[in-house]
Protein backbone atom coordinates (compact mmCIF):
# COMPACT_ATOMS: atom_id res chain seq x y z
CA SER A 1 0.00 0.00 0.00
CA MET A 2 3.03 2.30 0.06
CA TYR A 3 3.87 2.00 -3.65
CA GLU A 4 1.80 3.93 -6.16
CA HIS A 5 1.54 3.57 -9.94
CA LYS A 6 -0.45 6.80 -10.36
CA PRO A 7 -0.34 10.23 -8.70
CA VAL A 8 -2.07 10.51 -5.32
CA GLY A 9 -3.55 13.44 -3.46
CA LYS A 10 -1.79 15.48 -0.82
CA HIS A 11 -3.67 13.31 1.68
CA LYS A 12 -3.87 9.63 0.77
CA VAL A 13 -6.73 8.17 2.81
CA CYS A 14 -5.99 4.47 3.32
CA VAL A 15 -9.31 2.84 4.20
CA CYS A 16 -9.35 -0.58 5.79
CA THR A 17 -12.10 -2.76 4.32
CA ASN A 18 -10.99 -6.05 5.86
CA VAL A 19 -13.24 -8.25 8.01
CA SER A 20 -13.39 -6.29 11.28
CA CYS A 21 -13.87 -2.97 9.53
CA MET A 22 -16.32 -4.44 7.03
CA ILE A 23 -18.63 -5.87 9.69
CA ASN A 24 -18.48 -2.54 11.54
CA GLY A 25 -19.56 -0.46 8.55
CA SER A 26 -16.52 0.43 6.46
CA ASP A 27 -18.73 0.18 3.36
CA LYS A 28 -20.85 3.08 4.67
CA ILE A 29 -17.70 5.09 5.39
CA VAL A 30 -16.38 4.44 1.87
CA ASP A 31 -19.73 5.40 0.30
CA HIS A 32 -19.83 8.59 2.36
CA MET A 33 -16.29 9.63 1.40
CA GLU A 34 -16.81 8.84 -2.29
CA LYS A 35 -19.87 11.11 -2.33
CA LYS A 36 -18.26 13.85 -0.23
CA LEU A 37 -15.02 13.95 -2.24
CA ASP A 38 -16.45 13.00 -5.64
CA VAL A 39 -13.73 10.39 -6.18
CA LYS A 40 -13.91 6.61 -6.12
CA LEU A 41 -11.90 4.28 -3.92
CA GLY A 42 -8.73 3.66 -5.93
CA GLY A 43 -10.02 6.00 -8.60
CA GLY A 44 -7.70 8.96 -8.72
CA VAL A 45 -7.41 12.30 -7.03
CA THR A 46 -9.96 14.93 -6.08
CA SER A 47 -10.20 17.88 -8.48
CA ASP A 48 -8.31 20.10 -6.01
CA GLY A 49 -5.50 17.54 -5.68
CA LYS A 50 -6.09 17.25 -1.96
CA PHE A 51 -7.36 13.67 -1.51
CA SER A 52 -7.16 10.19 -2.90
CA LEU A 53 -8.87 7.11 -1.47
CA LYS A 54 -7.12 3.77 -1.30
CA GLU A 55 -8.42 0.42 -0.09
CA VAL A 56 -5.91 -1.36 2.13
CA GLU A 57 -5.65 -4.63 3.97
CA CYS A 58 -5.88 -4.82 7.76
CA LEU A 59 -3.99 -2.02 9.49
CA GLY A 60 -4.10 -3.80 12.86
CA ALA A 61 -6.62 -1.53 14.56
CA CYS A 62 -9.51 -4.00 14.62
CA GLY A 63 -10.66 -2.85 18.05
CA GLY A 64 -11.36 0.60 16.60
CA ALA A 65 -13.10 -0.50 13.41
CA PRO A 66 -14.03 1.04 11.06
CA MET A 67 -10.83 3.01 10.59
CA PHE A 68 -8.54 4.68 8.10
CA GLN A 69 -5.01 6.00 8.02
CA ILE A 70 -3.83 9.34 6.68
CA GLY A 71 -0.08 9.76 6.69
CA GLU A 72 1.16 8.22 9.93
CA LYS A 73 -2.07 8.81 11.88
CA TYR A 74 -4.83 6.27 12.52
CA TYR A 75 -8.45 7.43 12.84
CA GLU A 76 -10.72 4.90 14.50
CA ASN A 77 -14.40 4.32 15.32
CA LEU A 78 -15.38 6.32 12.25
CA THR A 79 -18.83 7.71 11.59
CA PRO A 80 -19.84 9.92 8.66
CA ASP A 81 -19.83 12.98 10.95
CA LEU A 82 -16.37 12.14 12.30
CA VAL A 83 -15.06 11.59 8.75
CA ASP A 84 -16.38 15.03 7.75
CA SER A 85 -14.69 16.63 10.74
CA ILE A 86 -11.37 14.91 10.01
CA LEU A 87 -11.32 15.67 6.30
CA ASP A 88 -12.52 19.26 6.75
CA GLY A 89 -9.72 19.80 9.29
CA LEU A 90 -6.92 18.86 6.92
CA GLU A 91 -5.12 21.61 5.02
């Protein structure tokens, strides 16, 4: 998940969709982000170059599922409102 074949956004959002995250609603988080950012998971970069979404295997934070990683930081127990707050807070 660290090697890219195409350009990525300033913030690469690595979304775990493995078993623990999946059964805790990662699909709803992915749907929400795709609509909010108008970019598909694995489908390029937002028009402003700020974000890209990438599906990744387990990141080892199953107790905080659903979760994603941006840079070196893990964000756990995600809800659509929390995702909005996180993404809106990034420069």
